[in-house]
PDB file of all heavy atoms in Angstrom:
ATOM      1  N   ALA A   1       0.866  -1.184   0.025  1.00  0.00           N
ATOM      2  CA  ALA A   1       0.008  -0.016   0.022  1.00  0.00           C
ATOM      3  C   ALA A   1       0.876   1.283  -0.008  1.00  0.00           C
ATOM      4  O   ALA A   1       0.594   2.214  -0.721  1.00  0.00           O
ATOM      5  CB  ALA A   1      -0.929   0.000   1.220  1.00  0.00           C
ATOM      6  N   ALA A   2       1.943   1.221   0.791  1.00  0.00           N
ATOM      7  CA  ALA A   2       2.808   2.370   0.867  1.00  0.00           C
ATOM      8  C   ALA A   2       3.544   2.599  -0.455  1.00  0.00           C
ATOM      9  O   ALA A   2       3.708   3.743  -0.933  1.00  0.00           O
ATOM     10  CB  ALA A   2       3.829   2.221   1.985  1.00  0.00           C
ATOM     11  N   MET A   3       4.027   1.531  -1.049  1.00  0.00           N
ATOM     12  CA  MET A   3       4.750   1.620  -2.297  1.00  0.00           C
ATOM     13  C   MET A   3       3.831   2.019  -3.446  1.00  0.00           C
ATOM     14  O   MET A   3       4.298   2.796  -4.358  1.00  0.00           O
ATOM     15  CB  MET A   3       5.444   0.323  -2.624  1.00  0.00           C
ATOM     16  CG  MET A   3       6.656   0.034  -1.832  1.00  0.00           C
ATOM     17  SD  MET A   3       7.940   1.395  -1.984  1.00  0.00           S
ATOM     18  CE  MET A   3       8.235   1.378  -3.766  1.00  0.00           C
ATOM     19  N   ASP A   4       2.571   1.644  -3.433  1.00  0.00           N
ATOM     20  CA  ASP A   4       1.625   2.047  -4.498  1.00  0.00           C
ATOM     21  C   ASP A   4       1.452   3.559  -4.461  1.00  0.00           C
ATOM     22  O   ASP A   4       1.441   4.206  -5.498  1.00  0.00           O
ATOM     23  CB  ASP A   4       0.262   1.369  -4.266  1.00  0.00           C
ATOM     24  CG  ASP A   4       0.349  -0.138  -4.511  1.00  0.00           C
ATOM     25  OD1 ASP A   4       1.360  -0.624  -5.022  1.00  0.00           O
ATOM     26  OD2 ASP A   4      -0.678  -0.822  -4.219  1.00  0.00           O
ATOM     27  N   VAL A   5       1.388   4.152  -3.278  1.00  0.00           N
ATOM     28  CA  VAL A   5       1.238   5.574  -3.156  1.00  0.00           C
ATOM     29  C   VAL A   5       2.570   6.263  -3.547  1.00  0.00           C
ATOM     30  O   VAL A   5       2.593   7.265  -4.236  1.00  0.00           O
ATOM     31  CB  VAL A   5       0.854   5.987  -1.730  1.00  0.00           C
ATOM     32  CG1 VAL A   5       0.889   7.492  -1.562  1.00  0.00           C
ATOM     33  CG2 VAL A   5      -0.536   5.452  -1.387  1.00  0.00           C
ATOM     34  N   PHE A   6       3.689   5.663  -3.125  1.00  0.00           N
ATOM     35  CA  PHE A   6       4.965   6.165  -3.427  1.00  0.00           C
ATOM     36  C   PHE A   6       5.180   6.304  -4.954  1.00  0.00           C
ATOM     37  O   PHE A   6       5.676   7.288  -5.484  1.00  0.00           O
ATOM     38  CB  PHE A   6       6.066   5.316  -2.764  1.00  0.00           C
ATOM     39  CG  PHE A   6       7.465   5.798  -3.128  1.00  0.00           C
ATOM     40  CD1 PHE A   6       8.074   6.786  -2.437  1.00  0.00           C
ATOM     41  CD2 PHE A   6       8.201   5.131  -4.092  1.00  0.00           C
ATOM     42  CE1 PHE A   6       9.368   7.219  -2.746  1.00  0.00           C
ATOM     43  CE2 PHE A   6       9.495   5.540  -4.446  1.00  0.00           C
ATOM     44  CZ  PHE A   6      10.101   6.606  -3.718  1.00  0.00           C
ATOM     45  N   ARG A   7       4.830   5.256  -5.688  1.00  0.00           N
ATOM     46  CA  ARG A   7       5.013   5.268  -7.151  1.00  0.00           C
ATOM     47  C   ARG A   7       4.231   6.433  -7.771  1.00  0.00           C
ATOM     48  O   ARG A   7       4.674   7.082  -8.689  1.00  0.00           O
ATOM     49  CB  ARG A   7       4.528   3.907  -7.747  1.00  0.00           C
ATOM     50  CG  ARG A   7       5.410   2.743  -7.437  1.00  0.00           C
ATOM     51  CD  ARG A   7       5.042   1.505  -8.194  1.00  0.00           C
ATOM     52  NE  ARG A   7       5.580   0.328  -7.541  1.00  0.00           N
ATOM     53  CZ  ARG A   7       4.972  -0.351  -6.593  1.00  0.00           C
ATOM     54  NH1 ARG A   7       3.717  -0.062  -6.276  1.00  0.00           N
ATOM     55  NH2 ARG A   7       5.546  -1.398  -6.028  1.00  0.00           N
ATOM     56  N   ALA A   8       2.997   6.618  -7.269  1.00  0.00           N
ATOM     57  CA  ALA A   8       2.179   7.698  -7.785  1.00  0.00           C
ATOM     58  C   ALA A   8       2.787   9.076  -7.503  1.00  0.00           C
ATOM     59  O   ALA A   8       2.816   9.897  -8.452  1.00  0.00           O
ATOM     60  CB  ALA A   8       0.791   7.587  -7.139  1.00  0.00           C
ATOM     61  N   CYS A   9       3.386   9.221  -6.342  1.00  0.00           N
ATOM     62  CA  CYS A   9       3.996  10.519  -6.020  1.00  0.00           C
ATOM     63  C   CYS A   9       5.268  10.695  -6.828  1.00  0.00           C
ATOM     64  O   CYS A   9       5.577  11.814  -7.305  1.00  0.00           O
ATOM     65  CB  CYS A   9       4.328  10.561  -4.571  1.00  0.00           C
ATOM     66  SG  CYS A   9       2.870  10.609  -3.494  1.00  0.00           S
ATOM     67  N   ALA A  10       6.049   9.642  -6.995  1.00  0.00           N
ATOM     68  CA  ALA A  10       7.305   9.665  -7.750  1.00  0.00           C
ATOM     69  C   ALA A  10       7.051   9.994  -9.213  1.00  0.00           C
ATOM     70  O   ALA A  10       7.818  10.727  -9.877  1.00  0.00           O
ATOM     71  CB  ALA A  10       8.087   8.410  -7.619  1.00  0.00           C
ATOM     72  N   LYS A  11       5.908   9.500  -9.735  1.00  0.00           N
ATOM     73  CA  LYS A  11       5.567   9.708 -11.149  1.00  0.00           C
ATOM     74  C   LYS A  11       5.393  11.180 -11.451  1.00  0.00           C
ATOM     75  O   LYS A  11       5.762  11.663 -12.531  1.00  0.00           O
ATOM     76  CB  LYS A  11       4.265   8.970 -11.507  1.00  0.00           C
ATOM     77  CG  LYS A  11       3.904   9.079 -12.950  1.00  0.00           C
ATOM     78  CD  LYS A  11       2.711   8.194 -13.262  1.00  0.00           C
ATOM     79  CE  LYS A  11       2.342   8.265 -14.736  1.00  0.00           C
ATOM     80  NZ  LYS A  11       1.129   7.449 -15.069  1.00  0.00           N
ATOM     81  N   VAL A  12       4.813  11.913 -10.512  1.00  0.00           N
ATOM     82  CA  VAL A  12       4.605  13.394 -10.689  1.00  0.00           C
ATOM     83  C   VAL A  12       5.696  14.221 -10.031  1.00  0.00           C
ATOM     84  O   VAL A  12       5.590  15.458  -9.956  1.00  0.00           O
ATOM     85  CB  VAL A  12       3.208  13.785 -10.183  1.00  0.00           C
ATOM     86  CG1 VAL A  12       2.089  13.070 -10.942  1.00  0.00           C
ATOM     87  CG2 VAL A  12       3.053  13.524  -8.693  1.00  0.00           C
ATOM     88  N   ASP A  13       6.693  13.518  -9.509  1.00  0.00           N
ATOM     89  CA  ASP A  13       7.864  14.208  -8.880  1.00  0.00           C
ATOM     90  C   ASP A  13       7.387  15.122  -7.756  1.00  0.00           C
ATOM     91  O   ASP A  13       7.863  16.267  -7.628  1.00  0.00           O
ATOM     92  CB  ASP A  13       8.679  14.959  -9.922  1.00  0.00           C
ATOM     93  CG  ASP A  13      10.038  15.397  -9.417  1.00  0.00           C
ATOM     94  OD1 ASP A  13      10.528  14.746  -8.477  1.00  0.00           O
ATOM     95  OD2 ASP A  13      10.618  16.371  -9.916  1.00  0.00           O
ATOM     96  N   GLU A  14       6.514  14.615  -6.906  1.00  0.00           N
ATOM     97  CA  GLU A  14       6.094  15.420  -5.781  1.00  0.00           C
ATOM     98  C   GLU A  14       7.152  15.441  -4.725  1.00  0.00           C
ATOM     99  O   GLU A  14       7.615  14.438  -4.244  1.00  0.00           O
ATOM    100  CB  GLU A  14       4.779  14.831  -5.173  1.00  0.00           C
ATOM    101  CG  GLU A  14       4.254  15.710  -4.007  1.00  0.00           C
ATOM    102  CD  GLU A  14       2.978  15.138  -3.382  1.00  0.00           C
ATOM    103  OE1 GLU A  14       2.172  14.577  -4.143  1.00  0.00           O
ATOM    104  OE2 GLU A  14       2.779  15.353  -2.179  1.00  0.00           O
ATOM    105  N   ARG A  15       7.537  16.659  -4.275  1.00  0.00           N
ATOM    106  CA  ARG A  15       8.523  16.811  -3.211  1.00  0.00           C
ATOM    107  C   ARG A  15       7.864  17.598  -2.062  1.00  0.00           C
ATOM    108  O   ARG A  15       7.852  18.850  -2.121  1.00  0.00           O
ATOM    109  CB  ARG A  15       9.755  17.504  -3.747  1.00  0.00           C
ATOM    110  CG  ARG A  15      10.336  16.745  -4.950  1.00  0.00           C
ATOM    111  CD  ARG A  15      11.608  17.433  -5.489  1.00  0.00           C
ATOM    112  NE  ARG A  15      12.084  16.757  -6.650  1.00  0.00           N
ATOM    113  CZ  ARG A  15      13.275  16.973  -7.209  1.00  0.00           C
ATOM    114  NH1 ARG A  15      14.113  17.888  -6.695  1.00  0.00           N
ATOM    115  NH2 ARG A  15      13.675  16.323  -8.323  1.00  0.00           N
ATOM    116  N   SER A  16       7.315  16.942  -1.106  1.00  0.00           N
ATOM    117  CA  SER A  16       6.512  17.570  -0.059  1.00  0.00           C
ATOM    118  C   SER A  16       6.806  16.965   1.267  1.00  0.00           C
ATOM    119  O   SER A  16       7.440  15.912   1.394  1.00  0.00           O
ATOM    120  CB  SER A  16       5.051  17.508  -0.449  1.00  0.00           C
ATOM    121  OG  SER A  16       4.690  16.107  -0.459  1.00  0.00           O
ATOM    122  N   LYS A  17       6.195  17.621   2.283  1.00  0.00           N
ATOM    123  CA  LYS A  17       6.306  17.078   3.649  1.00  0.00           C
ATOM    124  C   LYS A  17       5.670  15.725   3.764  1.00  0.00           C
ATOM    125  O   LYS A  17       6.178  14.821   4.460  1.00  0.00           O
ATOM    126  CB  LYS A  17       5.697  18.085   4.614  1.00  0.00           C
ATOM    127  CG  LYS A  17       5.634  17.575   6.109  1.00  0.00           C
ATOM    128  CD  LYS A  17       7.068  17.464   6.678  1.00  0.00           C
ATOM    129  CE  LYS A  17       7.009  17.265   8.203  1.00  0.00           C
ATOM    130  NZ  LYS A  17       6.247  16.094   8.589  1.00  0.00           N
ATOM    131  N   ARG A  18       4.488  15.534   3.088  1.00  0.00           N
ATOM    132  CA  ARG A  18       3.826  14.275   3.218  1.00  0.00           C
ATOM    133  C   ARG A  18       4.586  13.139   2.558  1.00  0.00           C
ATOM    134  O   ARG A  18       4.567  11.988   3.055  1.00  0.00           O
ATOM    135  CB  ARG A  18       2.386  14.396   2.656  1.00  0.00           C
ATOM    136  CG  ARG A  18       2.257  14.621   1.159  1.00  0.00           C
ATOM    137  CD  ARG A  18       0.829  14.565   0.755  1.00  0.00           C
ATOM    138  NE  ARG A  18       0.695  14.709  -0.721  1.00  0.00           N
ATOM    139  CZ  ARG A  18      -0.485  14.682  -1.379  1.00  0.00           C
ATOM    140  NH1 ARG A  18      -1.593  14.420  -0.690  1.00  0.00           N
ATOM    141  NH2 ARG A  18      -0.585  14.806  -2.696  1.00  0.00           N
ATOM    142  N   VAL A  19       5.246  13.419   1.481  1.00  0.00           N
ATOM    143  CA  VAL A  19       6.073  12.432   0.816  1.00  0.00           C
ATOM    144  C   VAL A  19       7.285  12.089   1.685  1.00  0.00           C
ATOM    145  O   VAL A  19       7.733  10.930   1.821  1.00  0.00           O
ATOM    146  CB  VAL A  19       6.467  12.850  -0.612  1.00  0.00           C
ATOM    147  CG1 VAL A  19       7.466  11.776  -1.204  1.00  0.00           C
ATOM    148  CG2 VAL A  19       5.246  12.961  -1.529  1.00  0.00           C
ATOM    149  N   LEU A  20       7.832  13.130   2.323  1.00  0.00           N
ATOM    150  CA  LEU A  20       8.964  12.935   3.260  1.00  0.00           C
ATOM    151  C   LEU A  20       8.549  11.945   4.369  1.00  0.00           C
ATOM    152  O   LEU A  20       9.328  10.992   4.714  1.00  0.00           O
ATOM    153  CB  LEU A  20       9.393  14.243   3.833  1.00  0.00           C
ATOM    154  CG  LEU A  20      10.606  14.222   4.785  1.00  0.00           C
ATOM    155  CD1 LEU A  20      11.869  13.821   4.074  1.00  0.00           C
ATOM    156  CD2 LEU A  20      10.797  15.644   5.421  1.00  0.00           C
ATOM    157  N   ASP A  21       7.363  12.142   4.918  1.00  0.00           N
ATOM    158  CA  ASP A  21       6.871  11.268   5.929  1.00  0.00           C
ATOM    159  C   ASP A  21       6.618   9.841   5.400  1.00  0.00           C
ATOM    160  O   ASP A  21       6.835   8.913   6.072  1.00  0.00           O
ATOM    161  CB  ASP A  21       5.552  11.830   6.529  1.00  0.00           C
ATOM    162  CG  ASP A  21       5.748  13.155   7.274  1.00  0.00           C
ATOM    163  OD1 ASP A  21       6.898  13.405   7.660  1.00  0.00           O
ATOM    164  OD2 ASP A  21       4.710  13.867   7.407  1.00  0.00           O
ATOM    165  N   LEU A  22       6.137   9.815   4.160  1.00  0.00           N
ATOM    166  CA  LEU A  22       5.912   8.512   3.527  1.00  0.00           C
ATOM    167  C   LEU A  22       7.244   7.725   3.372  1.00  0.00           C
ATOM    168  O   LEU A  22       7.268   6.529   3.624  1.00  0.00           O
ATOM    169  CB  LEU A  22       5.275   8.667   2.183  1.00  0.00           C
ATOM    170  CG  LEU A  22       5.036   7.403   1.320  1.00  0.00           C
ATOM    171  CD1 LEU A  22       4.083   6.450   2.074  1.00  0.00           C
ATOM    172  CD2 LEU A  22       4.497   7.778  -0.060  1.00  0.00           C
ATOM    173  N   THR A  23       8.289   8.417   3.054  1.00  0.00           N
ATOM    174  CA  THR A  23       9.569   7.701   2.862  1.00  0.00           C
ATOM    175  C   THR A  23      10.024   7.128   4.244  1.00  0.00           C
ATOM    176  O   THR A  23      10.613   5.989   4.266  1.00  0.00           O
ATOM    177  CB  THR A  23      10.677   8.644   2.370  1.00  0.00           C
ATOM    178  OG1 THR A  23      10.957   9.681   3.288  1.00  0.00           O
ATOM    179  CG2 THR A  23      10.322   9.198   0.994  1.00  0.00           C
ATOM    180  N   ALA A  24       9.748   7.797   5.310  1.00  0.00           N
ATOM    181  CA  ALA A  24      10.138   7.283   6.671  1.00  0.00           C
ATOM    182  C   ALA A  24       9.351   5.962   6.955  1.00  0.00           C
ATOM    183  O   ALA A  24       9.913   5.052   7.532  1.00  0.00           O
ATOM    184  CB  ALA A  24       9.853   8.269   7.736  1.00  0.00           C
ATOM    185  N   VAL A  25       8.110   5.898   6.538  1.00  0.00           N
ATOM    186  CA  VAL A  25       7.280   4.708   6.706  1.00  0.00           C
ATOM    187  C   VAL A  25       7.872   3.540   5.921  1.00  0.00           C
ATOM    188  O   VAL A  25       8.031   2.457   6.424  1.00  0.00           O
ATOM    189  CB  VAL A  25       5.835   4.994   6.278  1.00  0.00           C
ATOM    190  CG1 VAL A  25       5.028   3.646   6.324  1.00  0.00           C
ATOM    191  CG2 VAL A  25       5.127   5.965   7.234  1.00  0.00           C
ATOM    192  N   ILE A  26       8.245   3.823   4.703  1.00  0.00           N
ATOM    193  CA  ILE A  26       8.777   2.747   3.814  1.00  0.00           C
ATOM    194  C   ILE A  26      10.184   2.310   4.337  1.00  0.00           C
ATOM    195  O   ILE A  26      10.457   1.127   4.381  1.00  0.00           O
ATOM    196  CB  ILE A  26       8.850   3.178   2.347  1.00  0.00           C
ATOM    197  CG1 ILE A  26       7.412   3.527   1.881  1.00  0.00           C
ATOM    198  CG2 ILE A  26       9.518   2.135   1.467  1.00  0.00           C
ATOM    199  CD1 ILE A  26       7.399   4.128   0.445  1.00  0.00           C
ATOM    200  N   ILE A  27      11.001   3.292   4.684  1.00  0.00           N
ATOM    201  CA  ILE A  27      12.359   2.955   5.183  1.00  0.00           C
ATOM    202  C   ILE A  27      12.261   2.077   6.419  1.00  0.00           C
ATOM    203  O   ILE A  27      13.113   1.206   6.635  1.00  0.00           O
ATOM    204  CB  ILE A  27      13.133   4.250   5.435  1.00  0.00           C
ATOM    205  CG1 ILE A  27      13.578   4.868   4.099  1.00  0.00           C
ATOM    206  CG2 ILE A  27      14.344   4.004   6.342  1.00  0.00           C
ATOM    207  CD1 ILE A  27      14.097   6.254   4.217  1.00  0.00           C
ATOM    208  N   ASP A  28      11.228   2.349   7.274  1.00  0.00           N
ATOM    209  CA  ASP A  28      11.109   1.550   8.469  1.00  0.00           C
ATOM    210  C   ASP A  28      10.846   0.050   8.101  1.00  0.00           C
ATOM    211  O   ASP A  28      11.263  -0.882   8.807  1.00  0.00           O
ATOM    212  CB  ASP A  28       9.902   2.048   9.308  1.00  0.00           C
ATOM    213  CG  ASP A  28       9.824   1.368  10.622  1.00  0.00           C
ATOM    214  OD1 ASP A  28      10.835   1.298  11.376  1.00  0.00           O
ATOM    215  OD2 ASP A  28       8.732   0.884  10.944  1.00  0.00           O
ATOM    216  N   MET A  29      10.213  -0.149   6.953  1.00  0.00           N
ATOM    217  CA  MET A  29       9.919  -1.516   6.520  1.00  0.00           C
ATOM    218  C   MET A  29      11.009  -2.069   5.632  1.00  0.00           C
ATOM    219  O   MET A  29      11.274  -3.292   5.610  1.00  0.00           O
ATOM    220  CB  MET A  29       8.587  -1.585   5.763  1.00  0.00           C
ATOM    221  CG  MET A  29       7.352  -1.279   6.644  1.00  0.00           C
ATOM    222  SD  MET A  29       5.808  -1.449   5.790  1.00  0.00           S
ATOM    223  CE  MET A  29       5.717   0.128   4.844  1.00  0.00           C
ATOM    224  N   ASN A  30      11.691  -1.202   4.868  1.00  0.00           N
ATOM    225  CA  ASN A  30      12.763  -1.628   3.952  1.00  0.00           C
ATOM    226  C   ASN A  30      13.824  -0.573   3.890  1.00  0.00           C
ATOM    227  O   ASN A  30      13.862   0.242   3.004  1.00  0.00           O
ATOM    228  CB  ASN A  30      12.144  -1.862   2.544  1.00  0.00           C
ATOM    229  CG  ASN A  30      13.155  -2.328   1.544  1.00  0.00           C
ATOM    230  OD1 ASN A  30      14.321  -2.655   1.942  1.00  0.00           O
ATOM    231  ND2 ASN A  30      12.814  -2.401   0.283  1.00  0.00           N
ATOM    232  N   PRO A  31      14.756  -0.643   4.855  1.00  0.00           N
ATOM    233  CA  PRO A  31      15.768   0.465   4.929  1.00  0.00           C
ATOM    234  C   PRO A  31      16.802   0.390   3.837  1.00  0.00           C
ATOM    235  O   PRO A  31      17.633   1.295   3.741  1.00  0.00           O
ATOM    236  CB  PRO A  31      16.455   0.184   6.281  1.00  0.00           C
ATOM    237  CG  PRO A  31      16.163  -1.253   6.565  1.00  0.00           C
ATOM    238  CD  PRO A  31      14.855  -1.591   5.993  1.00  0.00           C
ATOM    239  N   ALA A  32      16.788  -0.601   2.996  1.00  0.00           N
ATOM    240  CA  ALA A  32      17.758  -0.692   1.913  1.00  0.00           C
ATOM    241  C   ALA A  32      17.200  -0.195   0.545  1.00  0.00           C
ATOM    242  O   ALA A  32      17.830  -0.362  -0.512  1.00  0.00           O
ATOM    243  CB  ALA A  32      18.229  -2.146   1.753  1.00  0.00           C
TER     244      ALA A  32
END
């Protein structure tokens, strides 16, 4: 679910606080 949203944000090159928070969620699950 997190990666599905991440792909959508990356597609439009969104650089925002909410995407920053999203990366922390994903890194917690997959730090590599």
